[in-house]
Structures are given as structure tokens and as C-alpha cells.
């Protein structure tokens, strides 16, 4: 049975919309308590939307590993891309990488390596970021720093490769070049 070109195009567009769905999780004691506004989450949302991602969910949790793990699992069940911001430094309460590792079956080391490499061109403090990236089910989780500027710059460093990563997770492993 042959499909007409219009139905193929429509199906492709629908897959692109599904693939480019995202959720954002801000990890911050003060933002979750309401004592400081979340500036990183909205900055990340704006960049994602500029790059044609549909942000379906935004949440904020405290720097508590069990809460972060539960939120990551919940968001990974809702969107193929989960972006976190905050909790990636070396302070005592920075546990986002540990929570991400706990919920992921595979780590994708190249994504945070690229973020740190690009960040190091702007500030030596990029070396203090412990953010990781991994696969939870069929979703990709990417940890970004908590500062709005660092979060946006880190995401800019990898945003062009995220659609391909999401396609791979959807099972589209064909390579064209």
C-alpha cells in the first residue's frame, strides 16, 4: 500500500512535535520554598521554545535527592527530554547528578563534556559543574547549572544534537550522511 506524500509529511510533523516535547525541573531550596524566584527555568524554557521544543511541564523541587529522583521519573514518563537546572555544583546540598545517575540506566558522557568544554571558554568555573546526562526509559535527562546565564550557555552548547539523540531513543537508528 502506498502512502500519499501529504500523509507522510503530516506523520513526520507529528513525530517531530512528539520528539521535541520537553519538561524542565528546577532544583533549588529557595525557589521551591518561594523565597527566591526561579530565573533559570524560564530562561531554559525560552531557549527551548526558540529551538522549536514544546515545553509541556515545569516543576521546582528542593535539593533533596528522593524528591529529585521522583520528579525525574515522573517527568521522564511525560516527555522525551527532561532538562534540569540547579544542584550540579560541589556544595553539600548539590545532589542533582546523584539523583540523575540513580534513575538512569545509561549515561551519555559526551553531552556534559561538551557543555563543560564550551563553558570553560567563558569561565574557569565551568570545571566545577558536575552535571550529567543519561537515559531514563526512553527519555533523555540533561543536567544544567543553576545560574540562568550558565544554564542557557550550557544548553546552547548541546541543543543542536538533542533532536538526534531523541530520535535515537525513539528507535530511529538509521543514519544518513
Protein backbone atom coordinates (compact mmCIF):
# COMPACT_ATOMS: atom_id res chain seq x y z
CA UNK A 1 0.00 0.00 0.00
CA UNK A 2 1.43 3.39 -1.00
CA UNK A 3 1.06 6.39 1.25
CA UNK A 4 0.43 9.74 -0.35
CA UNK A 5 3.09 12.43 0.22
CA UNK A 6 0.72 14.62 2.27
CA UNK A 7 0.09 11.87 4.84
CA UNK A 8 3.81 11.13 5.06
CA UNK A 9 4.53 14.83 5.67
CA UNK A 10 1.79 15.05 8.30
CA UNK A 11 3.10 11.94 10.07
CA UNK A 12 6.64 13.35 10.01
CA UNK A 13 5.46 16.65 11.51
CA UNK A 14 3.55 14.81 14.24
CA UNK A 15 6.65 12.76 15.10
CA UNK A 16 8.75 15.94 15.23
CA UNK A 17 6.29 17.54 17.66
CA UNK A 18 6.30 14.46 19.89
CA UNK A 19 10.06 14.13 19.75
CA UNK A 20 10.61 17.76 20.61
CA UNK A 21 8.47 17.76 23.75
CA UNK A 22 10.37 18.74 26.89
CA UNK A 23 9.98 19.17 30.62
CA UNK A 24 12.03 21.39 32.92
CA UNK A 25 12.89 20.67 36.53
CA UNK A 26 14.46 23.41 38.64
CA UNK A 27 16.25 22.13 41.70
CA UNK A 28 16.51 24.88 44.29
CA UNK A 29 15.75 25.05 48.00
CA UNK A 30 14.95 28.77 47.84
CA UNK A 31 12.87 28.66 44.66
CA UNK A 32 10.87 25.67 45.90
CA UNK A 33 10.25 27.48 49.22
CA UNK A 34 9.14 30.60 47.36
CA UNK A 35 11.83 32.82 48.89
CA UNK A 36 13.56 33.43 45.56
CA UNK A 37 12.10 33.42 42.05
CA UNK A 38 13.18 30.71 39.63
CA UNK A 39 15.07 32.55 36.89
CA UNK A 40 16.82 29.56 35.33
CA UNK A 41 13.72 27.53 34.47
CA UNK A 42 12.10 30.34 32.46
CA UNK A 43 15.42 31.14 30.72
CA UNK A 44 15.80 27.49 29.71
CA UNK A 45 12.16 27.37 28.58
CA UNK A 46 12.69 30.38 26.34
CA UNK A 47 15.75 28.82 24.67
CA UNK A 48 13.96 25.51 24.17
CA UNK A 49 10.98 27.25 22.60
CA UNK A 50 13.25 29.27 20.31
CA UNK A 51 14.58 25.91 19.11
CA UNK A 52 11.10 24.50 18.47
CA UNK A 53 10.75 22.39 21.58
CA UNK A 54 7.33 22.23 23.21
CA UNK A 55 7.76 22.65 26.97
CA UNK A 56 4.97 20.57 28.43
CA UNK A 57 5.79 20.71 32.14
CA UNK A 58 7.82 22.89 34.51
CA UNK A 59 8.39 21.91 38.13
CA UNK A 60 10.53 23.05 41.04
CA UNK A 61 11.80 20.84 43.86
CA UNK A 62 14.12 21.26 46.82
CA UNK A 63 17.68 19.91 46.85
CA UNK A 64 16.57 16.58 48.29
CA UNK A 65 17.68 13.50 46.39
CA UNK A 66 14.49 11.44 46.89
CA UNK A 67 12.34 14.38 45.69
CA UNK A 68 14.58 14.95 42.68
CA UNK A 69 14.53 11.25 41.75
CA UNK A 70 10.72 11.10 41.99
CA UNK A 71 10.34 14.24 39.87
CA UNK A 72 12.80 12.95 37.26
CA UNK A 73 10.93 9.66 36.93
CA UNK A 74 7.57 11.44 36.69
CA UNK A 75 8.80 13.94 34.08
CA UNK A 76 10.59 11.25 32.07
CA UNK A 77 7.24 9.47 31.76
CA UNK A 78 5.71 12.66 30.33
CA UNK A 79 8.37 14.00 27.95
CA UNK A 80 11.26 12.57 25.93
CA UNK A 81 13.55 15.40 27.07
CA UNK A 82 13.93 16.43 30.70
CA UNK A 83 16.15 19.41 31.41
CA UNK A 84 17.20 20.10 34.98
CA UNK A 85 18.72 23.29 36.26
CA UNK A 86 20.46 23.61 39.60
CA UNK A 87 22.14 21.35 42.11
CA UNK A 88 25.14 20.47 39.93
CA UNK A 89 27.88 22.19 41.92
CA UNK A 90 30.05 20.98 44.77
CA UNK A 91 28.09 22.39 47.71
CA UNK A 92 26.81 19.93 50.29
CA UNK A 93 23.19 20.09 49.07
CA UNK A 94 24.06 19.79 45.36
CA UNK A 95 22.78 16.28 44.62
CA UNK A 96 21.20 16.56 41.16
CA UNK A 97 23.90 14.42 39.47
CA UNK A 98 23.48 11.69 42.08
CA UNK A 99 19.69 11.70 41.61
CA UNK A 100 20.08 11.61 37.83
CA UNK A 101 22.50 8.68 37.97
CA UNK A 102 20.09 6.83 40.27
CA UNK A 103 17.23 6.98 37.74
CA UNK A 104 19.22 6.47 34.53
CA UNK A 105 20.27 3.15 33.02
CA UNK A 106 22.80 4.73 30.65
CA UNK A 107 24.93 7.82 30.97
CA UNK A 108 25.70 9.97 27.95
CA UNK A 109 29.07 11.41 28.93
CA UNK A 110 29.66 13.43 25.76
CA UNK A 111 26.85 15.91 26.39
CA UNK A 112 28.09 17.24 29.75
CA UNK A 113 31.68 17.05 28.47
CA UNK A 114 30.70 19.36 25.62
CA UNK A 115 28.85 21.73 27.97
CA UNK A 116 31.86 21.99 30.28
CA UNK A 117 34.26 22.37 27.36
CA UNK A 118 32.25 25.24 25.86
CA UNK A 119 31.71 26.77 29.30
CA UNK A 120 35.45 26.72 30.01
CA UNK A 121 35.94 29.08 27.08
CA UNK A 122 33.96 31.68 29.06
CA UNK A 123 34.82 30.95 32.69
CA UNK A 124 37.15 28.63 34.59
CA UNK A 125 34.25 27.96 36.99
CA UNK A 126 32.69 25.65 34.38
CA UNK A 127 35.04 22.96 35.68
CA UNK A 128 33.07 22.93 38.95
CA UNK A 129 29.88 21.74 37.26
CA UNK A 130 29.14 18.08 37.94
CA UNK A 131 26.09 17.87 35.68
CA UNK A 132 25.45 14.57 33.95
CA UNK A 133 23.22 13.35 31.16
CA UNK A 134 21.52 10.00 30.97
CA UNK A 135 18.70 7.85 29.66
CA UNK A 136 15.69 7.12 31.86
CA UNK A 137 13.35 4.79 30.00
CA UNK A 138 13.07 6.42 26.58
CA UNK A 139 13.79 9.92 27.85
CA UNK A 140 16.99 11.92 27.92
CA UNK A 141 17.78 13.81 31.12
CA UNK A 142 20.26 16.70 30.87
CA UNK A 143 21.57 18.49 33.98
CA UNK A 144 22.35 22.21 33.64
CA UNK A 145 23.89 24.57 36.20
CA UNK A 146 21.60 26.70 38.35
CA UNK A 147 22.66 30.16 37.24
CA UNK A 148 20.44 31.43 34.42
CA UNK A 149 23.44 32.50 32.32
CA UNK A 150 25.31 29.21 32.81
CA UNK A 151 22.16 27.16 32.22
CA UNK A 152 21.44 28.89 28.92
CA UNK A 153 25.06 28.75 27.76
CA UNK A 154 25.30 25.06 28.64
CA UNK A 155 22.10 24.26 26.78
CA UNK A 156 23.24 26.31 23.78
CA UNK A 157 26.36 24.15 23.62
CA UNK A 158 24.33 20.97 23.01
CA UNK A 159 20.90 21.96 21.76
CA UNK A 160 21.72 21.15 18.14
CA UNK A 161 22.43 17.49 18.96
CA UNK A 162 19.42 16.89 21.21
CA UNK A 163 16.91 16.18 18.40
CA UNK A 164 19.19 13.45 17.01
CA UNK A 165 19.64 11.94 20.48
CA UNK A 166 15.86 11.91 20.94
CA UNK A 167 15.37 10.23 17.59
CA UNK A 168 17.82 7.50 18.62
CA UNK A 169 15.88 6.97 21.84
CA UNK A 170 12.65 6.68 19.81
CA UNK A 171 14.25 3.81 17.94
CA UNK A 172 15.15 5.68 14.75
CA UNK A 173 18.70 4.41 14.41
CA UNK A 174 19.06 4.98 10.68
CA UNK A 175 21.99 7.22 9.86
CA UNK A 176 22.16 9.41 6.80
CA UNK A 177 25.33 11.09 5.55
